Amino acid sequence: MSNQCENCAHYEYDEEYEEYYCRVNLDEDEYYRFMASRQETCPYFRNGDEYAVVRHQM
């Protein structure tokens, strides 16, 4: 899933810790369900490519 994270709009760089992180705010139950699931794709993924719509229209 890491390749998917690199293209996600929720994946941001934290300059203080000098690392990337997912900014989706999950409560304990949501986090448990997310970690326990065997899904291959992240249900919170949102394409961070700002030009995807433009390429689609061309």
C-alpha atoms as a PDB file:
ATOM      1  CA  MET A   1       0.000   0.000   0.000  1.00  0.00           C
ATOM      2  CA  SER A   2       2.992   2.353   0.297  1.00  0.00           C
ATOM      3  CA  ASN A   3       2.971   3.152  -3.429  1.00  0.00           C
ATOM      4  CA  GLN A   4      -0.636   4.173  -3.091  1.00  0.00           C
ATOM      5  CA  CYS A   5       0.213   6.370  -0.089  1.00  0.00           C
ATOM      6  CA  GLU A   6       2.816   8.307  -2.064  1.00  0.00           C
ATOM      7  CA  ASN A   7       0.097   9.489  -4.471  1.00  0.00           C
ATOM      8  CA  CYS A   8      -2.527  10.191  -1.813  1.00  0.00           C
ATOM      9  CA  ALA A   9      -3.701  13.704  -0.932  1.00  0.00           C
ATOM     10  CA  HIS A  10      -3.623  12.753   2.777  1.00  0.00           C
ATOM     11  CA  TYR A  11       0.096  11.859   2.712  1.00  0.00           C
ATOM     12  CA  GLU A  12       2.075  14.878   3.901  1.00  0.00           C
ATOM     13  CA  TYR A  13       5.602  15.732   4.941  1.00  0.00           C
ATOM     14  CA  ASP A  14       6.224  16.839   8.531  1.00  0.00           C
ATOM     15  CA  GLU A  15       9.210  19.169   8.596  1.00  0.00           C
ATOM     16  CA  GLU A  16       9.615  18.925  12.373  1.00  0.00           C
ATOM     17  CA  TYR A  17      10.025  15.126  12.343  1.00  0.00           C
ATOM     18  CA  GLU A  18      11.400  15.023   8.780  1.00  0.00           C
ATOM     19  CA  GLU A  19       9.129  12.196   7.687  1.00  0.00           C
ATOM     20  CA  TYR A  20       5.916  11.570   5.787  1.00  0.00           C
ATOM     21  CA  TYR A  21       2.700  10.679   7.559  1.00  0.00           C
ATOM     22  CA  CYS A  22      -0.977  10.078   6.824  1.00  0.00           C
ATOM     23  CA  ARG A  23      -3.113  12.942   8.100  1.00  0.00           C
ATOM     24  CA  VAL A  24      -6.386  10.971   8.154  1.00  0.00           C
ATOM     25  CA  ASN A  25      -7.670  11.331  11.708  1.00  0.00           C
ATOM     26  CA  LEU A  26      -9.112   7.988  12.846  1.00  0.00           C
ATOM     27  CA  ASP A  27     -10.609   7.223  16.240  1.00  0.00           C
ATOM     28  CA  GLU A  28      -9.610   4.000  18.029  1.00  0.00           C
ATOM     29  CA  ASP A  29     -12.399   1.882  16.521  1.00  0.00           C
ATOM     30  CA  GLU A  30     -11.776   3.087  12.984  1.00  0.00           C
ATOM     31  CA  TYR A  31      -8.026   2.541  13.366  1.00  0.00           C
ATOM     32  CA  TYR A  32      -8.548  -1.001  14.649  1.00  0.00           C
ATOM     33  CA  ARG A  33     -10.890  -1.878  11.768  1.00  0.00           C
ATOM     34  CA  PHE A  34      -8.438  -0.366   9.280  1.00  0.00           C
ATOM     35  CA  MET A  35      -5.460  -2.309  10.660  1.00  0.00           C
ATOM     36  CA  ALA A  36      -7.423  -5.571  11.042  1.00  0.00           C
ATOM     37  CA  SER A  37      -8.879  -5.508   7.532  1.00  0.00           C
ATOM     38  CA  ARG A  38      -7.263  -7.446   4.723  1.00  0.00           C
ATOM     39  CA  GLN A  39      -8.117  -4.888   2.059  1.00  0.00           C
ATOM     40  CA  GLU A  40      -5.490  -4.335  -0.588  1.00  0.00           C
ATOM     41  CA  THR A  41      -6.508  -0.706  -1.081  1.00  0.00           C
ATOM     42  CA  CYS A  42      -6.951   2.056   1.442  1.00  0.00           C
ATOM     43  CA  PRO A  43     -10.579   3.184   1.862  1.00  0.00           C
ATOM     44  CA  TYR A  44      -9.356   6.721   2.649  1.00  0.00           C
ATOM     45  CA  PHE A  45      -7.271   7.120  -0.508  1.00  0.00           C
ATOM     46  CA  ARG A  46      -7.844  10.339  -2.433  1.00  0.00           C
ATOM     47  CA  ASN A  47      -5.787  11.019  -5.517  1.00  0.00           C
ATOM     48  CA  GLY A  48      -3.421  13.906  -4.841  1.00  0.00           C
ATOM     49  CA  ASP A  49      -2.639  14.448  -8.516  1.00  0.00           C
ATOM     50  CA  GLU A  50      -3.990  17.915  -9.237  1.00  0.00           C
ATOM     51  CA  TYR A  51      -3.639  17.433 -12.994  1.00  0.00           C
ATOM     52  CA  ALA A  52      -5.603  14.161 -13.262  1.00  0.00           C
ATOM     53  CA  VAL A  53      -8.789  15.957 -14.277  1.00  0.00           C
ATOM     54  CA  VAL A  54      -6.979  17.988 -16.941  1.00  0.00           C
ATOM     55  CA  ARG A  55      -5.359  14.881 -18.427  1.00  0.00           C
ATOM     56  CA  HIS A  56      -8.759  13.153 -18.427  1.00  0.00           C
ATOM     57  CA  GLN A  57     -10.312  16.018 -20.401  1.00  0.00           C
ATOM     58  CA  MET A  58      -7.593  15.983 -23.090  1.00  0.00           C
END
